[in-house]
Amino acid sequence: QELLVESGGGLVQTGASLRLSCAASGPSFSMSAMGWFREAPGKEREFVAAINYNGARTEYRDSVKGRFTISRDNAKNRVELQVNNLKPEDTAVYFCAARFGNPGLILLRSDYPYWGRGTQVTVSS
């Protein structure tokens, strides 16, 4: 049984926007740290954004600040990543990550035990 399922990726042109979504089925989603990471071909998976259990705290990697927004809806067990003004360097598979039962803000990949399969975002120049 999959716990995290991403959707919303696609092929877009530079400057376009997408809304990535992650549906979670964990038993304690509303008390869980959530994050988005991305992995480009030939590169390591890197942190993109994180949100704490109630959405009051967020964090972003520098290159996406002002363009990406992470949010969550605990009533729907969903976390989203609004990605605006996309650039070719944003091209990657985007992964949703969860640490169920931990309400904090988590930035490290190694601290997330649960991962989705990813959704591809391709930005053409």
PDB file of N, CA and C in Angstrom:
ATOM      1  N   GLN A   1       0.841  -1.184   0.000  1.00  0.00           N
ATOM      2  CA  GLN A   1       0.000   0.000   0.000  1.00  0.00           C
ATOM      3  C   GLN A   1       0.884   1.245   0.000  1.00  0.00           C
ATOM      4  N   GLU A   2       0.657   2.091  -1.010  1.00  0.00           N
ATOM      5  CA  GLU A   2       1.442   3.302  -1.105  1.00  0.00           C
ATOM      6  C   GLU A   2       0.950   4.316  -0.102  1.00  0.00           C
ATOM      7  N   LEU A   3       1.890   4.976   0.541  1.00  0.00           N
ATOM      8  CA  LEU A   3       1.529   5.985   1.520  1.00  0.00           C
ATOM      9  C   LEU A   3       1.521   7.381   0.938  1.00  0.00           C
ATOM     10  N   LEU A   4       2.338   7.611  -0.088  1.00  0.00           N
ATOM     11  CA  LEU A   4       2.455   8.933  -0.689  1.00  0.00           C
ATOM     12  C   LEU A   4       2.358   8.801  -2.207  1.00  0.00           C
ATOM     13  N   VAL A   5       1.486   9.578  -2.818  1.00  0.00           N
ATOM     14  CA  VAL A   5       1.317   9.543  -4.261  1.00  0.00           C
ATOM     15  C   VAL A   5       1.345  10.968  -4.800  1.00  0.00           C
ATOM     16  N   GLU A   6       2.340  11.236  -5.652  1.00  0.00           N
ATOM     17  CA  GLU A   6       2.463  12.574  -6.237  1.00  0.00           C
ATOM     18  C   GLU A   6       1.724  12.659  -7.567  1.00  0.00           C
ATOM     19  N   SER A   7       1.349  13.882  -7.912  1.00  0.00           N
ATOM     20  CA  SER A   7       0.726  14.151  -9.208  1.00  0.00           C
ATOM     21  C   SER A   7       0.959  15.614  -9.567  1.00  0.00           C
ATOM     22  N   GLY A   8       0.663  15.953 -10.815  1.00  0.00           N
ATOM     23  CA  GLY A   8       0.714  17.352 -11.225  1.00  0.00           C
ATOM     24  C   GLY A   8       1.895  17.756 -12.073  1.00  0.00           C
ATOM     25  N   GLY A   9       2.829  16.846 -12.284  1.00  0.00           N
ATOM     26  CA  GLY A   9       3.967  17.181 -13.111  1.00  0.00           C
ATOM     27  C   GLY A   9       3.588  17.298 -14.579  1.00  0.00           C
ATOM     28  N   GLY A  10       4.566  17.737 -15.386  1.00  0.00           N
ATOM     29  CA  GLY A  10       4.299  17.839 -16.807  1.00  0.00           C
ATOM     30  C   GLY A  10       5.434  18.491 -17.554  1.00  0.00           C
ATOM     31  N   LEU A  11       5.215  18.666 -18.864  1.00  0.00           N
ATOM     32  CA  LEU A  11       6.168  19.342 -19.740  1.00  0.00           C
ATOM     33  C   LEU A  11       5.644  20.747 -19.989  1.00  0.00           C
ATOM     34  N   VAL A  12       6.435  21.738 -19.593  1.00  0.00           N
ATOM     35  CA  VAL A  12       6.013  23.132 -19.733  1.00  0.00           C
ATOM     36  C   VAL A  12       7.159  23.960 -20.284  1.00  0.00           C
ATOM     37  N   GLN A  13       6.828  25.180 -20.663  1.00  0.00           N
ATOM     38  CA  GLN A  13       7.841  26.099 -21.151  1.00  0.00           C
ATOM     39  C   GLN A  13       8.374  26.971 -20.015  1.00  0.00           C
ATOM     40  N   THR A  14       9.518  27.550 -20.238  1.00  0.00           N
ATOM     41  CA  THR A  14      10.104  28.476 -19.266  1.00  0.00           C
ATOM     42  C   THR A  14       9.092  29.560 -18.898  1.00  0.00           C
ATOM     43  N   GLY A  15       8.978  29.806 -17.593  1.00  0.00           N
ATOM     44  CA  GLY A  15       8.071  30.816 -17.098  1.00  0.00           C
ATOM     45  C   GLY A  15       6.708  30.303 -16.709  1.00  0.00           C
ATOM     46  N   ALA A  16       6.420  29.072 -17.034  1.00  0.00           N
ATOM     47  CA  ALA A  16       5.112  28.496 -16.721  1.00  0.00           C
ATOM     48  C   ALA A  16       5.005  28.109 -15.243  1.00  0.00           C
ATOM     49  N   SER A  17       3.807  27.702 -14.869  1.00  0.00           N
ATOM     50  CA  SER A  17       3.537  27.286 -13.486  1.00  0.00           C
ATOM     51  C   SER A  17       2.913  25.898 -13.470  1.00  0.00           C
ATOM     52  N   LEU A  18       3.121  25.203 -12.380  1.00  0.00           N
ATOM     53  CA  LEU A  18       2.490  23.913 -12.118  1.00  0.00           C
ATOM     54  C   LEU A  18       2.114  23.853 -10.655  1.00  0.00           C
ATOM     55  N   ARG A  19       1.179  22.989 -10.357  1.00  0.00           N
ATOM     56  CA  ARG A  19       0.830  22.739  -8.958  1.00  0.00           C
ATOM     57  C   ARG A  19       0.999  21.249  -8.710  1.00  0.00           C
ATOM     58  N   LEU A  20       2.018  20.911  -7.955  1.00  0.00           N
ATOM     59  CA  LEU A  20       2.288  19.518  -7.617  1.00  0.00           C
ATOM     60  C   LEU A  20       1.510  19.157  -6.356  1.00  0.00           C
ATOM     61  N   SER A  21       0.997  17.956  -6.347  1.00  0.00           N
ATOM     62  CA  SER A  21       0.196  17.521  -5.212  1.00  0.00           C
ATOM     63  C   SER A  21       0.691  16.178  -4.704  1.00  0.00           C
ATOM     64  N   CYS A  22       0.568  15.985  -3.405  1.00  0.00           N
ATOM     65  CA  CYS A  22       0.951  14.728  -2.781  1.00  0.00           C
ATOM     66  C   CYS A  22      -0.187  14.282  -1.878  1.00  0.00           C
ATOM     67  N   ALA A  23      -0.784  13.151  -2.218  1.00  0.00           N
ATOM     68  CA  ALA A  23      -1.846  12.570  -1.398  1.00  0.00           C
ATOM     69  C   ALA A  23      -1.222  11.570  -0.441  1.00  0.00           C
ATOM     70  N   ALA A  24      -1.493  11.745   0.842  1.00  0.00           N
ATOM     71  CA  ALA A  24      -0.898  10.891   1.866  1.00  0.00           C
ATOM     72  C   ALA A  24      -1.957  10.045   2.545  1.00  0.00           C
ATOM     73  N   SER A  25      -1.582   8.824   2.874  1.00  0.00           N
ATOM     74  CA  SER A  25      -2.521   7.947   3.556  1.00  0.00           C
ATOM     75  C   SER A  25      -1.991   7.478   4.900  1.00  0.00           C
ATOM     76  N   GLY A  26      -1.041   8.194   5.444  1.00  0.00           N
ATOM     77  CA  GLY A  26      -0.495   7.857   6.742  1.00  0.00           C
ATOM     78  C   GLY A  26      -1.494   8.105   7.855  1.00  0.00           C
ATOM     79  N   PRO A  27      -1.370   7.377   8.944  1.00  0.00           N
ATOM     80  CA  PRO A  27      -2.345   7.467  10.032  1.00  0.00           C
ATOM     81  C   PRO A  27      -2.251   8.738  10.847  1.00  0.00           C
ATOM     82  N   SER A  28      -1.162   9.455  10.750  1.00  0.00           N
ATOM     83  CA  SER A  28      -0.991  10.646  11.584  1.00  0.00           C
ATOM     84  C   SER A  28      -0.530  11.825  10.744  1.00  0.00           C
ATOM     85  N   PHE A  29      -1.119  11.966   9.575  1.00  0.00           N
ATOM     86  CA  PHE A  29      -0.678  13.013   8.660  1.00  0.00           C
ATOM     87  C   PHE A  29      -0.717  14.387   9.299  1.00  0.00           C
ATOM     88  N   SER A  30      -1.742  14.676  10.047  1.00  0.00           N
ATOM     89  CA  SER A  30      -1.906  16.024  10.594  1.00  0.00           C
ATOM     90  C   SER A  30      -0.852  16.373  11.639  1.00  0.00           C
ATOM     91  N   MET A  31      -0.087  15.380  12.078  1.00  0.00           N
ATOM     92  CA  MET A  31       0.995  15.628  13.025  1.00  0.00           C
ATOM     93  C   MET A  31       2.342  15.264  12.420  1.00  0.00           C
ATOM     94  N   SER A  32       2.450  15.410  11.106  1.00  0.00           N
ATOM     95  CA  SER A  32       3.632  14.921  10.392  1.00  0.00           C
ATOM     96  C   SER A  32       4.362  16.019   9.641  1.00  0.00           C
ATOM     97  N   ALA A  33       5.681  15.911   9.647  1.00  0.00           N
ATOM     98  CA  ALA A  33       6.517  16.777   8.826  1.00  0.00           C
ATOM     99  C   ALA A  33       6.467  16.279   7.388  1.00  0.00           C
ATOM    100  N   MET A  34       6.376  17.224   6.451  1.00  0.00           N
ATOM    101  CA  MET A  34       6.317  16.880   5.037  1.00  0.00           C
ATOM    102  C   MET A  34       7.354  17.691   4.266  1.00  0.00           C
ATOM    103  N   GLY A  35       7.818  17.108   3.172  1.00  0.00           N
ATOM    104  CA  GLY A  35       8.800  17.806   2.369  1.00  0.00           C
ATOM    105  C   GLY A  35       8.706  17.456   0.904  1.00  0.00           C
ATOM    106  N   TRP A  36       9.301  18.295   0.092  1.00  0.00           N
ATOM    107  CA  TRP A  36       9.460  18.048  -1.344  1.00  0.00           C
ATOM    108  C   TRP A  36      10.948  18.066  -1.673  1.00  0.00           C
ATOM    109  N   PHE A  37      11.344  17.079  -2.461  1.00  0.00           N
ATOM    110  CA  PHE A  37      12.709  16.982  -2.940  1.00  0.00           C
ATOM    111  C   PHE A  37      12.663  16.795  -4.446  1.00  0.00           C
ATOM    112  N   ARG A  38      13.796  16.968  -5.105  1.00  0.00           N
ATOM    113  CA  ARG A  38      13.844  16.732  -6.546  1.00  0.00           C
ATOM    114  C   ARG A  38      15.164  16.090  -6.921  1.00  0.00           C
ATOM    115  N   GLU A  39      15.105  15.363  -8.028  1.00  0.00           N
ATOM    116  CA  GLU A  39      16.292  14.652  -8.507  1.00  0.00           C
ATOM    117  C   GLU A  39      16.390  14.828 -10.012  1.00  0.00           C
ATOM    118  N   ALA A  40      17.422  15.513 -10.440  1.00  0.00           N
ATOM    119  CA  ALA A  40      17.680  15.713 -11.862  1.00  0.00           C
ATOM    120  C   ALA A  40      18.591  14.603 -12.369  1.00  0.00           C
ATOM    121  N   PRO A  41      18.574  14.328 -13.655  1.00  0.00           N
ATOM    122  CA  PRO A  41      19.425  13.263 -14.205  1.00  0.00           C
ATOM    123  C   PRO A  41      20.890  13.475 -13.864  1.00  0.00           C
ATOM    124  N   GLY A  42      21.502  12.457 -13.300  1.00  0.00           N
ATOM    125  CA  GLY A  42      22.915  12.520 -12.970  1.00  0.00           C
ATOM    126  C   GLY A  42      23.256  13.291 -11.717  1.00  0.00           C
ATOM    127  N   LYS A  43      22.230  13.736 -10.994  1.00  0.00           N
ATOM    128  CA  LYS A  43      22.466  14.511  -9.776  1.00  0.00           C
ATOM    129  C   LYS A  43      21.813  13.837  -8.572  1.00  0.00           C
ATOM    130  N   GLU A  44      22.272  14.227  -7.402  1.00  0.00           N
ATOM    131  CA  GLU A  44      21.690  13.679  -6.191  1.00  0.00           C
ATOM    132  C   GLU A  44      20.336  14.330  -5.911  1.00  0.00           C
ATOM    133  N   ARG A  45      19.523  13.614  -5.176  1.00  0.00           N
ATOM    134  CA  ARG A  45      18.238  14.150  -4.757  1.00  0.00           C
ATOM    135  C   ARG A  45      18.480  15.308  -3.793  1.00  0.00           C
ATOM    136  N   GLU A  46      17.820  16.429  -4.035  1.00  0.00           N
ATOM    137  CA  GLU A  46      18.061  17.618  -3.232  1.00  0.00           C
ATOM    138  C   GLU A  46      16.779  18.176  -2.618  1.00  0.00           C
ATOM    139  N   PHE A  47      16.957  18.815  -1.497  1.00  0.00           N
ATOM    140  CA  PHE A  47      15.862  19.436  -0.793  1.00  0.00           C
ATOM    141  C   PHE A  47      15.276  20.590  -1.599  1.00  0.00           C
ATOM    142  N   VAL A  48      13.947  20.700  -1.608  1.00  0.00           N
ATOM    143  CA  VAL A  48      13.266  21.804  -2.272  1.00  0.00           C
ATOM    144  C   VAL A  48      12.486  22.641  -1.261  1.00  0.00           C
ATOM    145  N   ALA A  49      11.626  21.994  -0.482  1.00  0.00           N
ATOM    146  CA  ALA A  49      10.784  22.729   0.464  1.00  0.00           C
ATOM    147  C   ALA A  49      10.310  21.791   1.559  1.00  0.00           C
ATOM    148  N   ALA A  50       9.995  22.380   2.705  1.00  0.00           N
ATOM    149  CA  ALA A  50       9.485  21.596   3.822  1.00  0.00           C
ATOM    150  C   ALA A  50       8.429  22.405   4.564  1.00  0.00           C
ATOM    151  N   ILE A  51       7.558  21.676   5.260  1.00  0.00           N
ATOM    152  CA  ILE A  51       6.483  22.317   6.013  1.00  0.00           C
ATOM    153  C   ILE A  51       6.257  21.532   7.292  1.00  0.00           C
ATOM    154  N   ASN A  52       5.970  22.241   8.368  1.00  0.00           N
ATOM    155  CA  ASN A  52       5.719  21.533   9.627  1.00  0.00           C
ATOM    156  C   ASN A  52       4.253  21.088   9.694  1.00  0.00           C
ATOM    157  N   TYR A  53       3.850  20.526  10.827  1.00  0.00           N
ATOM    158  CA  TYR A  53       2.573  19.834  10.891  1.00  0.00           C
ATOM    159  C   TYR A  53       1.359  20.712  10.627  1.00  0.00           C
ATOM    160  N   ASN A  54       1.421  21.980  11.014  1.00  0.00           N
ATOM    161  CA  ASN A  54       0.248  22.842  10.855  1.00  0.00           C
ATOM    162  C   ASN A  54       0.444  23.922   9.800  1.00  0.00           C
ATOM    163  N   GLY A  55       1.560  23.883   9.098  1.00  0.00           N
ATOM    164  CA  GLY A  55       1.794  24.852   8.038  1.00  0.00           C
ATOM    165  C   GLY A  55       2.328  26.191   8.506  1.00  0.00           C
ATOM    166  N   ALA A  56       2.569  26.326   9.795  1.00  0.00           N
ATOM    167  CA  ALA A  56       3.026  27.614  10.312  1.00  0.00           C
ATOM    168  C   ALA A  56       4.489  27.883   9.986  1.00  0.00           C
ATOM    169  N   ARG A  57       5.242  26.807   9.736  1.00  0.00           N
ATOM    170  CA  ARG A  57       6.664  26.955   9.429  1.00  0.00           C
ATOM    171  C   ARG A  57       6.967  26.294   8.100  1.00  0.00           C
ATOM    172  N   THR A  58       7.688  27.014   7.265  1.00  0.00           N
ATOM    173  CA  THR A  58       8.119  26.476   5.976  1.00  0.00           C
ATOM    174  C   THR A  58       9.575  26.864   5.740  1.00  0.00           C
ATOM    175  N   GLU A  59      10.201  26.117   4.820  1.00  0.00           N
ATOM    176  CA  GLU A  59      11.577  26.416   4.454  1.00  0.00           C
ATOM    177  C   GLU A  59      11.782  26.010   3.010  1.00  0.00           C
ATOM    178  N   TYR A  60      12.672  26.742   2.308  1.00  0.00           N
ATOM    179  CA  TYR A  60      12.910  26.488   0.895  1.00  0.00           C
ATOM    180  C   TYR A  60      14.402  26.533   0.588  1.00  0.00           C
ATOM    181  N   ARG A  61      14.798  25.826  -0.462  1.00  0.00           N
ATOM    182  CA  ARG A  61      16.161  26.018  -0.921  1.00  0.00           C
ATOM    183  C   ARG A  61      16.240  27.390  -1.574  1.00  0.00           C
ATOM    184  N   ASP A  62      17.409  27.987  -1.562  1.00  0.00           N
ATOM    185  CA  ASP A  62      17.558  29.373  -2.008  1.00  0.00           C
ATOM    186  C   ASP A  62      17.099  29.585  -3.438  1.00  0.00           C
ATOM    187  N   SER A  63      17.376  28.629  -4.313  1.00  0.00           N
ATOM    188  CA  SER A  63      17.101  28.836  -5.735  1.00  0.00           C
ATOM    189  C   SER A  63      15.614  28.851  -6.077  1.00  0.00           C
ATOM    190  N   VAL A  64      14.751  28.457  -5.141  1.00  0.00           N
ATOM    191  CA  VAL A  64      13.316  28.448  -5.440  1.00  0.00           C
ATOM    192  C   VAL A  64      12.546  29.457  -4.597  1.00  0.00           C
ATOM    193  N   LYS A  65      13.224  30.122  -3.690  1.00  0.00           N
ATOM    194  CA  LYS A  65      12.539  31.107  -2.850  1.00  0.00           C
ATOM    195  C   LYS A  65      11.914  32.205  -3.715  1.00  0.00           C
ATOM    196  N   GLY A  66      10.676  32.520  -3.409  1.00  0.00           N
ATOM    197  CA  GLY A  66       9.951  33.521  -4.185  1.00  0.00           C
ATOM    198  C   GLY A  66       9.239  32.956  -5.402  1.00  0.00           C
ATOM    199  N   ARG A  67       9.546  31.712  -5.765  1.00  0.00           N
ATOM    200  CA  ARG A  67       8.897  31.077  -6.930  1.00  0.00           C
ATOM    201  C   ARG A  67       8.038  29.878  -6.521  1.00  0.00           C
ATOM    202  N   PHE A  68       8.462  29.157  -5.505  1.00  0.00           N
ATOM    203  CA  PHE A  68       7.760  27.962  -5.060  1.00  0.00           C
ATOM    204  C   PHE A  68       7.084  28.224  -3.719  1.00  0.00           C
ATOM    205  N   THR A  69       5.925  27.608  -3.520  1.00  0.00           N
ATOM    206  CA  THR A  69       5.209  27.720  -2.254  1.00  0.00           C
ATOM    207  C   THR A  69       4.689  26.352  -1.840  1.00  0.00           C
ATOM    208  N   ILE A  70       5.052  25.928  -0.640  1.00  0.00           N
ATOM    209  CA  ILE A  70       4.556  24.671  -0.104  1.00  0.00           C
ATOM    210  C   ILE A  70       3.377  24.949   0.814  1.00  0.00           C
ATOM    211  N   SER A  71       2.373  24.085   0.753  1.00  0.00           N
ATOM    212  CA  SER A  71       1.207  24.253   1.606  1.00  0.00           C
ATOM    213  C   SER A  71       0.631  22.881   1.920  1.00  0.00           C
ATOM    214  N   ARG A  72      -0.280  22.832   2.876  1.00  0.00           N
ATOM    215  CA  ARG A  72      -0.884  21.557   3.227  1.00  0.00           C
ATOM    216  C   ARG A  72      -2.326  21.748   3.637  1.00  0.00           C
ATOM    217  N   ASP A  73      -3.111  20.695   3.420  1.00  0.00           N
ATOM    218  CA  ASP A  73      -4.502  20.656   3.840  1.00  0.00           C
ATOM    219  C   ASP A  73      -4.669  19.393   4.668  1.00  0.00           C
ATOM    220  N   ASN A  74      -4.647  19.521   5.972  1.00  0.00           N
ATOM    221  CA  ASN A  74      -4.706  18.345   6.840  1.00  0.00           C
ATOM    222  C   ASN A  74      -6.063  17.643   6.777  1.00  0.00           C
ATOM    223  N   ALA A  75      -7.099  18.373   6.438  1.00  0.00           N
ATOM    224  CA  ALA A  75      -8.418  17.750   6.315  1.00  0.00           C
ATOM    225  C   ALA A  75      -8.475  16.808   5.122  1.00  0.00           C
ATOM    226  N   LYS A  76      -7.651  17.077   4.113  1.00  0.00           N
ATOM    227  CA  LYS A  76      -7.627  16.247   2.908  1.00  0.00           C
ATOM    228  C   LYS A  76      -6.393  15.363   2.823  1.00  0.00           C
ATOM    229  N   ASN A  77      -5.565  15.373   3.857  1.00  0.00           N
ATOM    230  CA  ASN A  77      -4.312  14.591   3.849  1.00  0.00           C
ATOM    231  C   ASN A  77      -3.495  14.883   2.585  1.00  0.00           C
ATOM    232  N   ARG A  78      -3.272  16.149   2.337  1.00  0.00           N
ATOM    233  CA  ARG A  78      -2.620  16.537   1.094  1.00  0.00           C
ATOM    234  C   ARG A  78      -1.604  17.657   1.347  1.00  0.00           C
ATOM    235  N   VAL A  79      -0.488  17.572   0.669  1.00  0.00           N
ATOM    236  CA  VAL A  79       0.495  18.642   0.662  1.00  0.00           C
ATOM    237  C   VAL A  79       0.752  19.019  -0.782  1.00  0.00           C
ATOM    238  N   GLU A  80       0.910  20.305  -1.037  1.00  0.00           N
ATOM    239  CA  GLU A  80       1.068  20.775  -2.402  1.00  0.00           C
ATOM    240  C   GLU A  80       2.294  21.662  -2.533  1.00  0.00           C
ATOM    241  N   LEU A  81       2.778  21.743  -3.754  1.00  0.00           N
ATOM    242  CA  LEU A  81       3.896  22.616  -4.070  1.00  0.00           C
ATOM    243  C   LEU A  81       3.516  23.415  -5.318  1.00  0.00           C
ATOM    244  N   GLN A  82       3.260  24.692  -5.127  1.00  0.00           N
ATOM    245  CA  GLN A  82       3.006  25.581  -6.238  1.00  0.00           C
ATOM    246  C   GLN A  82       4.339  26.048  -6.784  1.00  0.00           C
ATOM    247  N   VAL A  83       4.559  25.777  -8.064  1.00  0.00           N
ATOM    248  CA  VAL A  83       5.840  26.130  -8.677  1.00  0.00           C
ATOM    249  C   VAL A  83       5.575  27.126  -9.791  1.00  0.00           C
ATOM    250  N   ASN A  84       6.100  28.320  -9.632  1.00  0.00           N
ATOM    251  CA  ASN A  84       5.891  29.402 -10.590  1.00  0.00           C
ATOM    252  C   ASN A  84       7.190  29.807 -11.263  1.00  0.00           C
ATOM    253  N   ASN A  85       7.060  30.477 -12.389  1.00  0.00           N
ATOM    254  CA  ASN A  85       8.215  30.997 -13.117  1.00  0.00           C
ATOM    255  C   ASN A  85       9.286  29.908 -13.282  1.00  0.00           C
ATOM    256  N   LEU A  86       8.849  28.773 -13.804  1.00  0.00           N
ATOM    257  CA  LEU A  86       9.749  27.630 -13.927  1.00  0.00           C
ATOM    258  C   LEU A  86      10.897  27.913 -14.882  1.00  0.00           C
ATOM    259  N   LYS A  87      12.040  27.339 -14.549  1.00  0.00           N
ATOM    260  CA  LYS A  87      13.249  27.496 -15.335  1.00  0.00           C
ATOM    261  C   LYS A  87      13.726  26.115 -15.780  1.00  0.00           C
ATOM    262  N   PRO A  88      14.512  26.051 -16.843  1.00  0.00           N
ATOM    263  CA  PRO A  88      15.028  24.736 -17.284  1.00  0.00           C
ATOM    264  C   PRO A  88      15.766  23.990 -16.173  1.00  0.00           C
ATOM    265  N   GLU A  89      16.440  24.700 -15.306  1.00  0.00           N
ATOM    266  CA  GLU A  89      17.176  24.046 -14.217  1.00  0.00           C
ATOM    267  C   GLU A  89      16.259  23.452 -13.148  1.00  0.00           C
ATOM    268  N   ASP A  90      14.964  23.710 -13.238  1.00  0.00           N
ATOM    269  CA  ASP A  90      14.003  23.082 -12.332  1.00  0.00           C
ATOM    270  C   ASP A  90      13.586  21.697 -12.830  1.00  0.00           C
ATOM    271  N   THR A  91      14.014  21.331 -14.014  1.00  0.00           N
ATOM    272  CA  THR A  91      13.676  20.027 -14.570  1.00  0.00           C
ATOM    273  C   THR A  91      14.209  18.907 -13.676  1.00  0.00           C
ATOM    274  N   ALA A  92      13.308  18.036 -13.230  1.00  0.00           N
ATOM    275  CA  ALA A  92      13.681  16.957 -12.315  1.00  0.00           C
ATOM    276  C   ALA A  92      12.445  16.114 -12.030  1.00  0.00           C
ATOM    277  N   VAL A  93      12.676  14.993 -11.383  1.00  0.00           N
ATOM    278  CA  VAL A  93      11.576  14.239 -10.774  1.00  0.00           C
ATOM    279  C   VAL A  93      11.398  14.803  -9.368  1.00  0.00           C
ATOM    280  N   TYR A  94      10.175  15.172  -9.052  1.00  0.00           N
ATOM    281  CA  TYR A  94       9.863  15.761  -7.754  1.00  0.00           C
ATOM    282  C   TYR A  94       9.226  14.701  -6.858  1.00  0.00           C
ATOM    283  N   PHE A  95       9.776  14.579  -5.647  1.00  0.00           N
ATOM    284  CA  PHE A  95       9.336  13.567  -4.698  1.00  0.00           C
ATOM    285  C   PHE A  95       8.738  14.212  -3.455  1.00  0.00           C
ATOM    286  N   CYS A  96       7.680  13.598  -2.976  1.00  0.00           N
ATOM    287  CA  CYS A  96       7.077  13.970  -1.701  1.00  0.00           C
ATOM    288  C   CYS A  96       7.667  13.050  -0.626  1.00  0.00           C
ATOM    289  N   ALA A  97       7.918  13.619   0.537  1.00  0.00           N
ATOM    290  CA  ALA A  97       8.486  12.844   1.637  1.00  0.00           C
ATOM    291  C   ALA A  97       7.731  13.138   2.925  1.00  0.00           C
ATOM    292  N   ALA A  98       7.686  12.142   3.797  1.00  0.00           N
ATOM    293  CA  ALA A  98       6.956  12.293   5.056  1.00  0.00           C
ATOM    294  C   ALA A  98       7.700  11.660   6.221  1.00  0.00           C
ATOM    295  N   ARG A  99       7.563  12.295   7.358  1.00  0.00           N
ATOM    296  CA  ARG A  99       7.971  11.682   8.610  1.00  0.00           C
ATOM    297  C   ARG A  99       6.739  11.730   9.505  1.00  0.00           C
ATOM    298  N   PHE A 100       5.984  10.620   9.451  1.00  0.00           N
ATOM    299  CA  PHE A 100       4.712  10.582  10.166  1.00  0.00           C
ATOM    300  C   PHE A 100       4.920  10.665  11.662  1.00  0.00           C
ATOM    301  N   GLY A 101       4.080  11.443  12.319  1.00  0.00           N
ATOM    302  CA  GLY A 101       4.128  11.564  13.765  1.00  0.00           C
ATOM    303  C   GLY A 101       5.151  12.549  14.287  1.00  0.00           C
ATOM    304  N   ASN A 102       5.924  13.174  13.385  1.00  0.00           N
ATOM    305  CA  ASN A 102       6.886  14.194  13.811  1.00  0.00           C
ATOM    306  C   ASN A 102       6.363  15.543  13.353  1.00  0.00           C
ATOM    307  N   PRO A 103       6.018  16.430  14.250  1.00  0.00           N
ATOM    308  CA  PRO A 103       5.366  17.689  13.868  1.00  0.00           C
ATOM    309  C   PRO A 103       6.313  18.789  13.409  1.00  0.00           C
ATOM    310  N   GLY A 104       7.606  18.538  13.449  1.00  0.00           N
ATOM    311  CA  GLY A 104       8.577  19.594  13.205  1.00  0.00           C
ATOM    312  C   GLY A 104       8.804  19.926  11.751  1.00  0.00           C
ATOM    313  N   LEU A 105       9.819  20.735  11.502  1.00  0.00           N
ATOM    314  CA  LEU A 105      10.240  21.156  10.165  1.00  0.00           C
ATOM    315  C   LEU A 105      11.530  20.402   9.864  1.00  0.00           C
ATOM    316  N   ILE A 106      11.499  19.559   8.854  1.00  0.00           N
ATOM    317  CA  ILE A 106      12.621  18.673   8.552  1.00  0.00           C
ATOM    318  C   ILE A 106      13.161  18.970   7.172  1.00  0.00           C
ATOM    319  N   LEU A 107      14.471  19.215   7.094  1.00  0.00           N
ATOM    320  CA  LEU A 107      15.103  19.574   5.829  1.00  0.00           C
ATOM    321  C   LEU A 107      15.989  18.474   5.254  1.00  0.00           C
ATOM    322  N   LEU A 108      16.453  17.580   6.109  1.00  0.00           N
ATOM    323  CA  LEU A 108      17.410  16.573   5.667  1.00  0.00           C
ATOM    324  C   LEU A 108      16.718  15.383   5.013  1.00  0.00           C
ATOM    325  N   ARG A 109      17.218  15.000   3.859  1.00  0.00           N
ATOM    326  CA  ARG A 109      16.676  13.841   3.149  1.00  0.00           C
ATOM    327  C   ARG A 109      16.709  12.593   4.018  1.00  0.00           C
ATOM    328  N   SER A 110      17.767  12.394   4.745  1.00  0.00           N
ATOM    329  CA  SER A 110      17.945  11.184   5.540  1.00  0.00           C
ATOM    330  C   SER A 110      16.975  11.081   6.716  1.00  0.00           C
ATOM    331  N   ASP A 111      16.322  12.181   7.052  1.00  0.00           N
ATOM    332  CA  ASP A 111      15.375  12.176   8.172  1.00  0.00           C
ATOM    333  C   ASP A 111      13.956  11.833   7.737  1.00  0.00           C
ATOM    334  N   TYR A 112      13.765  11.607   6.468  1.00  0.00           N
ATOM    335  CA  TYR A 112      12.437  11.241   5.961  1.00  0.00           C
ATOM    336  C   TYR A 112      12.414   9.742   5.638  1.00  0.00           C
ATOM    337  N   PRO A 113      11.627   8.952   6.339  1.00  0.00           N
ATOM    338  CA  PRO A 113      11.577   7.522   6.061  1.00  0.00           C
ATOM    339  C   PRO A 113      10.600   7.115   4.946  1.00  0.00           C
ATOM    340  N   TYR A 114       9.657   7.992   4.616  1.00  0.00           N
ATOM    341  CA  TYR A 114       8.631   7.629   3.632  1.00  0.00           C
ATOM    342  C   TYR A 114       8.714   8.542   2.409  1.00  0.00           C
ATOM    343  N   TRP A 115       8.607   7.893   1.230  1.00  0.00           N
ATOM    344  CA  TRP A 115       8.757   8.617  -0.027  1.00  0.00           C
ATOM    345  C   TRP A 115       7.724   8.153  -1.029  1.00  0.00           C
ATOM    346  N   GLY A 116       7.303   9.088  -1.885  1.00  0.00           N
ATOM    347  CA  GLY A 116       6.478   8.716  -3.013  1.00  0.00           C
ATOM    348  C   GLY A 116       7.350   8.302  -4.185  1.00  0.00           C
ATOM    349  N   ARG A 117       6.712   7.978  -5.300  1.00  0.00           N
ATOM    350  CA  ARG A 117       7.442   7.529  -6.485  1.00  0.00           C
ATOM    351  C   ARG A 117       7.876   8.676  -7.379  1.00  0.00           C
ATOM    352  N   GLY A 118       7.339   9.857  -7.139  1.00  0.00           N
ATOM    353  CA  GLY A 118       7.777  11.021  -7.874  1.00  0.00           C
ATOM    354  C   GLY A 118       6.885  11.396  -9.039  1.00  0.00           C
ATOM    355  N   THR A 119       7.008  12.659  -9.451  1.00  0.00           N
ATOM    356  CA  THR A 119       6.301  13.163 -10.621  1.00  0.00           C
ATOM    357  C   THR A 119       7.295  14.008 -11.424  1.00  0.00           C
ATOM    358  N   GLN A 120       7.318  13.786 -12.723  1.00  0.00           N
ATOM    359  CA  GLN A 120       8.309  14.425 -13.586  1.00  0.00           C
ATOM    360  C   GLN A 120       7.884  15.842 -13.944  1.00  0.00           C
ATOM    361  N   VAL A 121       8.815  16.756 -13.776  1.00  0.00           N
ATOM    362  CA  VAL A 121       8.636  18.138 -14.237  1.00  0.00           C
ATOM    363  C   VAL A 121       9.738  18.421 -15.252  1.00  0.00           C
ATOM    364  N   THR A 122       9.339  18.786 -16.452  1.00  0.00           N
ATOM    365  CA  THR A 122      10.289  19.106 -17.508  1.00  0.00           C
ATOM    366  C   THR A 122       9.997  20.511 -18.023  1.00  0.00           C
ATOM    367  N   VAL A 123      11.020  21.361 -17.982  1.00  0.00           N
ATOM    368  CA  VAL A 123      10.862  22.744 -18.400  1.00  0.00           C
ATOM    369  C   VAL A 123      11.713  22.974 -19.638  1.00  0.00           C
ATOM    370  N   SER A 124      11.071  23.313 -20.723  1.00  0.00           N
ATOM    371  CA  SER A 124      11.800  23.557 -21.971  1.00  0.00           C
ATOM    372  C   SER A 124      12.156  25.030 -22.097  1.00  0.00           C
ATOM    373  N   SER A 125      13.283  25.268 -22.720  1.00  0.00           N
ATOM    374  CA  SER A 125      13.757  26.650 -22.862  1.00  0.00           C
ATOM    375  C   SER A 125      13.254  27.286 -24.141  1.00  0.00           C
TER     376      SER A 125
END
